[in-house]
Amino acid sequence: MARSRKMHLAAYLKTAPTASYAAGWRHPAATLNDIWTPQRYEHIARVLEDARFDVAFFADGLGVPDIYRGSFADYLGRGGQTSLLDPMVVLPLMARVTSRLGLAPTMSTTFNGPYQLARSLGSLDLLSGGRAAWNVVTSATEFEARNCGMEGLPPKDQRYDRADEVLEACFALWSGWDADAVVLDREGGQFIDTSKVRYADYQGRYVSVRGPLSIPRSAQDRPVVMQAGSSPRGRAFAARWAEIIFCSHATREDAQRYYADMHARIEEAGRVAEDCKILPSFSVVLGETDSIARERAAYLDTLVDPELVMASSSELLGVDLSTIETEEQAEAAAGTQGIAGSRQRMGQVARAQGISFAQAVRKPRGLIAGTPKMIADIMEDWFTSGACDGFVLPPTVFPTTLEEFGRMVVPELQRRGLLRREYAGTTLRENLRNPG
């Protein structure tokens, strides 16, 4: 009997006061004094596993954004999405208190070599029992390049060409150990069967690596690959590699077009489209009644700092938006910087709401406010209409949003048969393939 299709859920996290909603940290329910404590990350890991999320992933960047007005004052001073800790230090803490939740850092193929990436990610995968994923980015800001010893970002297509090689090299390293290479024969004196360990001997145009990797194969063979490709080159990359695609769309119709396009690209790449889960971002505000939810969303709007919104949008688009009026100007001025998906989403917002692009970039991320049943209705509509395979949920207020979602929306989705009640497998890849 064929399994019924069920949603996949991912949590979007930051080691920062704000995850995605500008000034959400100012809400009185948001915790602040625990940002630099293990307990903050252990707690949210337990919350997400109890709610049967597939994976928690950390967005990350290698620096403090200073694109808006040529200064980091607004972004850092007003509480933007900075990375105040390295997620690779936080994730093992979360692995220690969970047994099924997938765990994913964001790591750049532009600034890291394949051996370092394969070693770090392979270690997390092994220690977590096969629950690691890798949110692959090619990076999109000049300040990150300068922090990594480069004069500037390479062109986007070149960054993706290098990324293809980095993943080819990482896969060669991870597959260099057979699953049964570890012997641990105390009496016979054989620790590793070295006939089952191989050199990678990868040589590309941009990267090379000899190997072998010093990390044995994990329970799921290698980390799951996440990606957020939106440009034509980014979509081609995702079609080849991604097992989870993170996207952001202003409307269900935009999501449906993206979903159909990616399925066609994945199949053209010789893969099965259903093996890649496409998850758009959903920012929610819950209330016991519709009016309470709308009041809560309106209150959040009163906390929004317009300058932080502009600084955040400038970082995403890779251009100082204080001098930009149109989407075309933003794309031209960004040069090699900027995230195509974010620019497209802001353009979608402008068209859907009948406002200018300049007005759209000044708006905080849109919130979906409603009762648990109303939120579940919207999610079910997107899920059953060919728009997605599930959702990425950032905490509008940390940790309250994800706590309430787990207590209030998850049971409603489970009642409808749209979300697992228990995990079917022990590894992330197993749970992606079998949603329970």
Protein backbone atom coordinates (compact mmCIF):
# COMPACT_ATOMS: atom_id res chain seq x y z
CA MET A 1 0.00 0.00 0.00
CA ALA A 2 1.36 3.42 -0.97
CA ARG A 3 2.18 5.77 1.91
CA SER A 4 0.06 8.88 2.23
CA ARG A 5 1.93 12.07 1.48
CA LYS A 6 2.85 14.10 4.56
CA MET A 7 4.41 17.49 5.15
CA HIS A 8 8.04 18.05 6.04
CA LEU A 9 8.90 20.84 8.48
CA ALA A 10 12.16 22.72 8.92
CA ALA A 11 12.98 25.43 11.45
CA TYR A 12 14.95 28.49 10.36
CA LEU A 13 17.21 29.59 13.20
CA LYS A 14 19.92 32.13 13.90
CA THR A 15 22.43 32.45 16.73
CA ALA A 16 21.06 35.96 17.14
CA PRO A 17 18.19 37.85 18.76
CA THR A 18 16.24 37.98 15.48
CA ALA A 19 15.64 35.08 13.08
CA SER A 20 13.77 36.75 10.22
CA TYR A 21 11.18 39.24 11.46
CA ALA A 22 12.82 42.62 12.01
CA ALA A 23 12.68 43.63 15.67
CA GLY A 24 10.98 40.43 16.83
CA TRP A 25 13.53 40.41 19.64
CA ARG A 26 11.85 43.47 21.14
CA HIS A 27 8.70 41.49 21.98
CA PRO A 28 8.42 40.96 25.76
CA ALA A 29 8.10 37.18 25.27
CA ALA A 30 11.42 36.95 23.41
CA THR A 31 14.29 35.55 25.48
CA LEU A 32 17.53 37.55 25.30
CA ASN A 33 19.77 36.75 28.26
CA ASP A 34 20.24 33.15 27.07
CA ILE A 35 21.69 33.82 23.59
CA TRP A 36 25.17 32.76 24.72
CA THR A 37 24.05 29.78 26.79
CA PRO A 38 23.78 26.10 25.78
CA GLN A 39 20.32 25.91 27.35
CA ARG A 40 18.77 28.16 24.67
CA TYR A 41 19.72 25.80 21.86
CA GLU A 42 19.06 22.61 23.80
CA HIS A 43 15.57 23.85 24.63
CA ILE A 44 14.60 24.69 21.06
CA ALA A 45 15.98 21.37 19.85
CA ARG A 46 13.67 19.52 22.24
CA VAL A 47 10.73 21.70 21.20
CA LEU A 48 11.29 20.94 17.52
CA GLU A 49 11.75 17.22 18.03
CA ASP A 50 8.60 17.04 20.14
CA ALA A 51 6.79 18.78 17.26
CA ARG A 52 8.19 16.20 14.81
CA PHE A 53 10.16 18.66 12.69
CA ASP A 54 12.50 17.09 10.14
CA VAL A 55 15.38 19.48 10.59
CA ALA A 56 16.58 22.63 12.29
CA PHE A 57 18.97 24.70 10.22
CA PHE A 58 20.95 27.79 11.03
CA ALA A 59 21.26 30.60 8.54
CA ASP A 60 24.75 32.03 8.84
CA GLY A 61 27.16 34.59 7.47
CA LEU A 62 30.84 35.32 7.88
CA GLY A 63 30.73 38.88 9.11
CA VAL A 64 28.59 41.81 10.17
CA PRO A 65 26.56 43.37 7.32
CA ASP A 66 27.60 46.93 6.53
CA ILE A 67 25.92 47.46 3.16
CA TYR A 68 23.20 49.89 4.26
CA ARG A 69 24.64 53.43 4.31
CA GLY A 70 28.12 51.89 4.33
CA SER A 71 27.94 51.06 8.05
CA PHE A 72 27.08 48.16 10.36
CA ALA A 73 25.53 50.55 12.89
CA ASP A 74 21.90 49.97 11.92
CA TYR A 75 22.15 46.22 11.33
CA LEU A 76 24.15 45.39 14.45
CA GLY A 77 22.91 48.14 16.72
CA ARG A 78 19.21 47.56 16.04
CA GLY A 79 19.32 43.77 16.41
CA GLY A 80 19.52 42.28 12.92
CA GLN A 81 20.16 38.69 11.87
CA THR A 82 23.77 38.62 12.94
CA SER A 83 25.52 35.36 13.81
CA LEU A 84 26.65 35.85 17.37
CA LEU A 85 27.92 32.26 17.65
CA ASP A 86 29.27 29.73 15.18
CA PRO A 87 26.42 27.24 14.50
CA MET A 88 28.93 24.39 14.25
CA VAL A 89 29.59 24.89 17.97
CA VAL A 90 25.88 25.02 18.82
CA LEU A 91 24.64 22.05 16.78
CA PRO A 92 26.46 19.33 18.78
CA LEU A 93 24.70 20.65 21.89
CA MET A 94 21.38 20.16 20.11
CA ALA A 95 22.38 16.70 18.89
CA ARG A 96 23.15 15.65 22.46
CA VAL A 97 19.56 16.23 23.69
CA THR A 98 17.71 14.80 20.66
CA SER A 99 17.65 11.52 18.76
CA ARG A 100 15.66 12.18 15.56
CA LEU A 101 15.83 15.90 14.71
CA GLY A 102 17.99 16.76 11.70
CA LEU A 103 20.65 19.41 12.27
CA ALA A 104 22.09 21.69 9.60
CA PRO A 105 24.69 24.46 9.52
CA THR A 106 25.09 26.89 6.63
CA MET A 107 28.57 26.62 5.12
CA SER A 108 29.99 28.36 2.07
CA THR A 109 31.60 26.58 -0.87
CA THR A 110 33.26 29.86 -1.90
CA PHE A 111 35.28 30.33 1.28
CA ASN A 112 35.89 26.74 2.41
CA GLY A 113 37.82 23.85 0.91
CA PRO A 114 36.24 20.42 0.41
CA TYR A 115 38.39 18.61 2.96
CA GLN A 116 37.53 21.02 5.79
CA LEU A 117 33.84 20.89 4.84
CA ALA A 118 33.72 17.11 4.53
CA ARG A 119 35.56 16.69 7.83
CA SER A 120 33.38 19.10 9.86
CA LEU A 121 30.08 17.97 8.39
CA GLY A 122 31.08 14.31 8.47
CA SER A 123 31.94 14.64 12.17
CA LEU A 124 28.53 16.18 12.95
CA ASP A 125 26.82 13.47 10.90
CA LEU A 126 28.68 10.68 12.68
CA LEU A 127 28.20 12.08 16.20
CA SER A 128 24.48 12.71 15.63
CA GLY A 129 23.85 9.20 14.36
CA GLY A 130 23.22 10.29 10.77
CA ARG A 131 21.17 13.44 11.29
CA ALA A 132 23.34 16.14 9.70
CA ALA A 133 22.43 18.27 6.72
CA TRP A 134 24.41 20.96 4.95
CA ASN A 135 22.76 24.18 3.86
CA VAL A 136 25.02 24.88 0.89
CA VAL A 137 25.60 28.53 -0.02
CA THR A 138 27.94 30.18 -2.47
CA SER A 139 27.77 33.43 -0.40
CA ALA A 140 26.50 36.73 -1.70
CA THR A 141 28.23 39.66 0.02
CA GLU A 142 31.52 41.45 -0.48
CA PHE A 143 32.15 41.86 3.25
CA GLU A 144 32.26 38.07 3.63
CA ALA A 145 34.78 37.82 0.81
CA ARG A 146 37.00 40.43 2.41
CA ASN A 147 36.78 38.63 5.75
CA CYS A 148 38.06 35.50 4.01
CA GLY A 149 41.10 37.10 2.40
CA MET A 150 39.56 37.89 -1.00
CA GLU A 151 39.36 41.31 -2.65
CA GLY A 152 35.79 40.65 -3.73
CA LEU A 153 33.25 38.04 -4.68
CA PRO A 154 33.85 36.02 -7.83
CA PRO A 155 31.07 36.22 -10.44
CA LYS A 156 27.95 34.23 -9.54
CA ASP A 157 28.34 31.60 -12.28
CA GLN A 158 31.95 31.03 -11.23
CA ARG A 159 30.87 30.62 -7.61
CA TYR A 160 28.40 27.93 -8.67
CA ASP A 161 30.99 26.25 -10.89
CA ARG A 162 33.28 26.05 -7.87
CA ALA A 163 30.38 24.81 -5.73
CA ASP A 164 29.76 21.94 -8.14
CA GLU A 165 33.40 20.92 -7.75
CA VAL A 166 33.36 21.28 -3.97
CA LEU A 167 30.36 18.96 -3.70
CA GLU A 168 31.90 16.48 -6.14
CA ALA A 169 35.04 16.45 -3.98
CA CYS A 170 33.10 16.15 -0.71
CA PHE A 171 31.06 13.26 -2.09
CA ALA A 172 34.29 11.54 -3.16
CA LEU A 173 35.70 11.98 0.34
CA TRP A 174 32.54 10.74 2.09
CA SER A 175 32.27 7.71 -0.18
CA GLY A 176 35.93 6.85 0.42
CA TRP A 177 34.99 4.76 3.46
CA ASP A 178 32.89 1.62 3.04
CA ALA A 179 30.14 1.18 5.61
CA ASP A 180 31.92 -1.80 7.17
CA ALA A 181 35.47 -0.39 7.16
CA VAL A 182 35.52 0.03 10.96
CA VAL A 183 36.47 -3.37 12.46
CA LEU A 184 37.48 -2.71 16.09
CA ASP A 185 38.95 -6.21 16.41
CA ARG A 186 40.74 -5.98 19.73
CA GLU A 187 42.05 -9.56 19.73
CA GLY A 188 43.16 -9.57 16.10
CA GLY A 189 44.68 -6.10 16.37
CA GLN A 190 42.76 -4.64 13.42
CA PHE A 191 41.12 -1.28 14.04
CA ILE A 192 40.24 -0.34 10.44
CA ASP A 193 40.09 -2.56 7.36
CA THR A 194 42.21 -0.30 5.18
CA SER A 195 41.22 -2.18 2.02
CA LYS A 196 37.85 -0.46 2.46
CA VAL A 197 39.26 3.07 2.67
CA ARG A 198 40.20 4.93 -0.54
CA TYR A 199 41.82 8.13 -1.71
CA ALA A 200 39.50 10.69 -3.28
CA ASP A 201 42.12 11.91 -5.79
CA TYR A 202 39.78 14.67 -6.97
CA GLN A 203 41.16 17.26 -9.35
CA GLY A 204 38.99 20.08 -10.65
CA ARG A 205 39.52 23.53 -12.07
CA TYR A 206 38.93 25.30 -8.75
CA VAL A 207 39.56 22.69 -6.05
CA SER A 208 41.51 19.49 -5.58
CA VAL A 209 41.77 17.03 -2.73
CA ARG A 210 43.72 13.82 -2.22
CA GLY A 211 42.13 12.23 0.83
CA PRO A 212 41.29 9.86 2.23
CA LEU A 213 38.96 11.52 4.72
CA SER A 214 39.74 10.76 8.37
CA ILE A 215 36.02 10.44 9.24
CA PRO A 216 34.23 7.08 8.79
CA ARG A 217 30.90 6.84 7.00
CA SER A 218 27.81 7.73 9.05
CA ALA A 219 24.54 5.83 9.48
CA GLN A 220 23.06 7.80 6.54
CA ASP A 221 26.29 7.60 4.45
CA ARG A 222 26.72 11.37 4.14
CA PRO A 223 24.96 14.60 5.16
CA VAL A 224 21.73 15.63 3.45
CA VAL A 225 22.17 18.56 1.04
CA MET A 226 20.01 21.67 1.46
CA GLN A 227 20.06 24.61 -0.94
CA ALA A 228 18.12 27.75 -1.79
CA GLY A 229 18.67 28.25 -5.51
CA SER A 230 16.49 30.90 -7.17
CA SER A 231 18.55 32.30 -10.06
CA PRO A 232 18.71 30.16 -13.22
CA ARG A 233 22.21 28.97 -12.26
CA GLY A 234 21.13 28.41 -8.67
CA ARG A 235 18.14 26.34 -9.80
CA ALA A 236 20.38 24.20 -11.98
CA PHE A 237 22.66 23.61 -8.99
CA ALA A 238 19.72 22.70 -6.77
CA ALA A 239 18.34 20.35 -9.41
CA ARG A 240 21.61 18.43 -9.40
CA TRP A 241 22.35 18.30 -5.67
CA ALA A 242 19.56 19.36 -3.32
CA GLU A 243 17.51 16.98 -1.21
CA ILE A 244 15.80 19.91 0.52
CA ILE A 245 15.18 23.25 -1.19
CA PHE A 246 14.48 26.30 0.96
CA CYS A 247 12.58 29.02 -0.92
CA SER A 248 10.57 32.13 -0.17
CA HIS A 249 7.50 33.18 -2.13
CA ALA A 250 4.99 35.96 -1.62
CA THR A 251 1.98 34.04 -2.99
CA ARG A 252 0.82 30.47 -3.49
CA GLU A 253 0.81 31.01 -7.26
CA ASP A 254 4.47 32.05 -7.22
CA ALA A 255 5.24 28.95 -5.17
CA GLN A 256 3.36 26.72 -7.62
CA ARG A 257 5.34 28.07 -10.58
CA TYR A 258 8.63 27.52 -8.75
CA TYR A 259 7.59 24.00 -7.67
CA ALA A 260 6.71 22.98 -11.22
CA ASP A 261 9.91 24.49 -12.62
CA MET A 262 12.11 22.73 -10.07
CA HIS A 263 10.42 19.38 -10.62
CA ALA A 264 11.08 19.69 -14.35
CA ARG A 265 14.72 20.63 -13.72
CA ILE A 266 15.27 17.81 -11.22
CA GLU A 267 13.89 15.22 -13.63
CA GLU A 268 15.97 16.67 -16.47
CA ALA A 269 19.01 16.20 -14.23
CA GLY A 270 18.21 12.48 -14.08
CA ARG A 271 16.77 12.45 -10.57
CA VAL A 272 13.34 11.61 -9.15
CA ALA A 273 11.57 14.87 -8.37
CA GLU A 274 9.93 13.48 -5.23
CA ASP A 275 13.39 12.82 -3.74
CA CYS A 276 13.82 16.57 -3.29
CA LYS A 277 11.58 18.33 -0.77
CA ILE A 278 10.66 21.92 -1.62
CA LEU A 279 9.87 24.01 1.44
CA PRO A 280 8.79 27.68 1.28
CA SER A 281 9.16 29.95 4.29
CA PHE A 282 6.07 30.68 6.43
CA SER A 283 6.09 33.28 9.22
CA VAL A 284 3.09 32.81 11.50
CA VAL A 285 1.37 34.55 14.39
CA LEU A 286 -1.07 32.41 16.37
CA GLY A 287 -4.09 33.39 18.43
CA GLU A 288 -6.97 31.67 20.17
CA THR A 289 -9.28 33.61 17.85
CA ASP A 290 -8.76 35.36 14.54
CA SER A 291 -9.06 38.77 16.15
CA ILE A 292 -6.49 37.92 18.84
CA ALA A 293 -4.05 36.71 16.19
CA ARG A 294 -4.52 39.89 14.17
CA GLU A 295 -4.04 42.02 17.28
CA ARG A 296 -0.81 40.18 18.03
CA ALA A 297 0.42 40.73 14.50
CA ALA A 298 -0.50 44.42 14.72
CA TYR A 299 1.42 44.71 17.97
CA LEU A 300 4.50 43.16 16.34
CA ASP A 301 4.22 45.77 13.59
CA THR A 302 4.49 48.51 16.22
CA LEU A 303 7.89 47.13 17.27
CA VAL A 304 9.36 47.22 13.77
CA ASP A 305 12.30 49.54 13.30
CA PRO A 306 12.17 50.95 9.72
CA GLU A 307 15.92 51.44 9.61
CA LEU A 308 16.50 47.79 10.59
CA VAL A 309 14.13 46.66 7.82
CA MET A 310 16.13 48.69 5.31
CA ALA A 311 19.44 47.42 6.64
CA SER A 312 18.17 43.83 6.49
CA SER A 313 16.76 44.19 2.98
CA SER A 314 19.99 45.82 1.83
CA GLU A 315 22.00 42.86 3.12
CA LEU A 316 19.72 40.35 1.38
CA LEU A 317 19.81 42.21 -1.94
CA GLY A 318 23.48 43.15 -1.71
CA VAL A 319 22.88 46.83 -2.37
CA ASP A 320 22.38 49.99 -0.33
CA LEU A 321 18.62 50.44 -0.73
CA SER A 322 18.70 54.00 0.56
CA THR A 323 19.49 54.99 -3.04
CA ILE A 324 17.38 52.41 -4.94
CA GLU A 325 13.82 52.74 -6.26
CA THR A 326 13.18 49.81 -8.65
CA GLU A 327 13.85 46.06 -8.84
CA GLU A 328 15.88 46.61 -12.01
CA GLN A 329 18.06 49.20 -10.29
CA ALA A 330 18.61 46.85 -7.36
CA GLU A 331 19.70 44.00 -9.62
CA ALA A 332 22.05 46.21 -11.64
CA ALA A 333 23.60 47.89 -8.61
CA ALA A 334 24.17 44.63 -6.73
CA GLY A 335 26.70 43.34 -9.26
CA THR A 336 28.01 40.02 -7.94
CA GLN A 337 26.24 40.49 -4.59
CA GLY A 338 22.72 39.71 -3.45
CA ILE A 339 20.34 36.77 -3.14
CA ALA A 340 18.14 36.38 -6.21
CA GLY A 341 15.35 34.69 -4.24
CA SER A 342 15.06 37.61 -1.83
CA ARG A 343 14.94 40.14 -4.66
CA GLN A 344 12.31 38.05 -6.45
CA ARG A 345 10.21 37.76 -3.27
CA MET A 346 10.26 41.53 -2.78
CA GLY A 347 9.21 41.96 -6.40
CA GLN A 348 6.40 39.47 -5.83
CA VAL A 349 5.24 41.41 -2.77
CA ALA A 350 5.16 44.63 -4.79
CA ARG A 351 3.09 43.07 -7.56
CA ALA A 352 0.74 41.18 -5.22
CA GLN A 353 0.02 44.27 -3.08
CA GLY A 354 0.03 46.82 -5.88
CA ILE A 355 2.87 48.83 -4.38
CA SER A 356 6.25 49.97 -5.67
CA PHE A 357 9.44 47.96 -5.22
CA ALA A 358 10.80 50.77 -3.03
CA GLN A 359 7.77 50.37 -0.75
CA ALA A 360 8.11 46.58 -0.71
CA VAL A 361 11.71 46.62 0.52
CA ARG A 362 10.61 48.85 3.41
CA LYS A 363 8.09 46.30 4.65
CA PRO A 364 9.04 43.64 7.21
CA ARG A 365 8.53 40.02 6.24
CA GLY A 366 4.83 39.28 5.83
CA LEU A 367 3.09 37.50 8.69
CA ILE A 368 0.30 34.93 8.42
CA ALA A 369 -1.97 35.51 11.41
CA GLY A 370 -4.77 33.22 12.50
CA THR A 371 -6.03 30.47 14.75
CA PRO A 372 -4.35 27.05 14.65
CA LYS A 373 -7.12 25.79 12.38
CA MET A 374 -6.77 28.78 10.03
CA ILE A 375 -2.99 28.33 9.81
CA ALA A 376 -3.46 24.61 9.16
CA ASP A 377 -6.00 25.42 6.44
CA ILE A 378 -3.51 27.64 4.63
CA MET A 379 -0.72 25.10 4.96
CA GLU A 380 -2.96 22.31 3.71
CA ASP A 381 -4.04 24.44 0.75
CA TRP A 382 -0.44 25.11 -0.31
CA PHE A 383 0.58 21.50 0.32
CA THR A 384 -2.25 19.91 -1.67
CA SER A 385 -2.23 22.40 -4.57
CA GLY A 386 1.25 21.69 -5.93
CA ALA A 387 3.03 24.55 -4.17
CA CYS A 388 5.30 22.68 -1.76
CA ASP A 389 6.25 19.55 0.19
CA GLY A 390 6.14 21.29 3.54
CA PHE A 391 7.39 24.48 5.14
CA VAL A 392 10.32 26.32 6.70
CA LEU A 393 9.19 28.12 9.85
CA PRO A 394 11.24 30.93 11.36
CA PRO A 395 10.34 32.07 14.87
CA THR A 396 8.64 35.44 14.59
CA VAL A 397 9.36 35.68 18.32
CA PHE A 398 11.96 33.30 19.75
CA PRO A 399 11.16 30.78 21.16
CA THR A 400 7.43 31.48 21.57
CA THR A 401 6.41 31.06 17.93
CA LEU A 402 7.87 27.58 17.61
CA GLU A 403 6.60 26.52 21.05
CA GLU A 404 3.06 27.62 20.19
CA PHE A 405 3.22 26.08 16.74
CA GLY A 406 4.20 22.75 18.29
CA ARG A 407 1.41 22.89 20.86
CA MET A 408 -1.36 24.32 18.69
CA VAL A 409 -0.83 23.72 14.96
CA VAL A 410 1.04 20.40 14.94
CA PRO A 411 -1.85 18.47 16.60
CA GLU A 412 -4.25 19.92 14.03
CA LEU A 413 -2.00 18.84 11.14
CA GLN A 414 -1.63 15.39 12.70
CA ARG A 415 -5.40 15.09 13.13
CA ARG A 416 -5.78 15.74 9.39
CA GLY A 417 -3.17 13.09 8.56
CA LEU A 418 -0.83 15.72 7.12
CA LEU A 419 2.08 15.35 9.56
CA ARG A 420 3.82 12.40 11.19
CA ARG A 421 2.92 11.43 14.73
CA GLU A 422 6.20 9.55 15.15
CA TYR A 423 9.47 9.49 13.25
CA ALA A 424 9.73 6.50 10.91
CA GLY A 425 13.52 6.34 10.89
CA THR A 426 16.55 7.25 12.94
CA THR A 427 18.43 9.27 10.30
CA LEU A 428 17.41 12.50 8.60
CA ARG A 429 17.50 10.95 5.14
CA GLU A 430 15.24 8.09 6.27
CA ASN A 431 12.70 10.54 7.64
CA LEU A 432 12.76 12.62 4.46
CA ARG A 433 12.08 9.52 2.39
CA ASN A 434 9.49 8.10 4.77
CA PRO A 435 7.46 10.83 6.50
CA GLY A 436 5.67 8.30 8.69
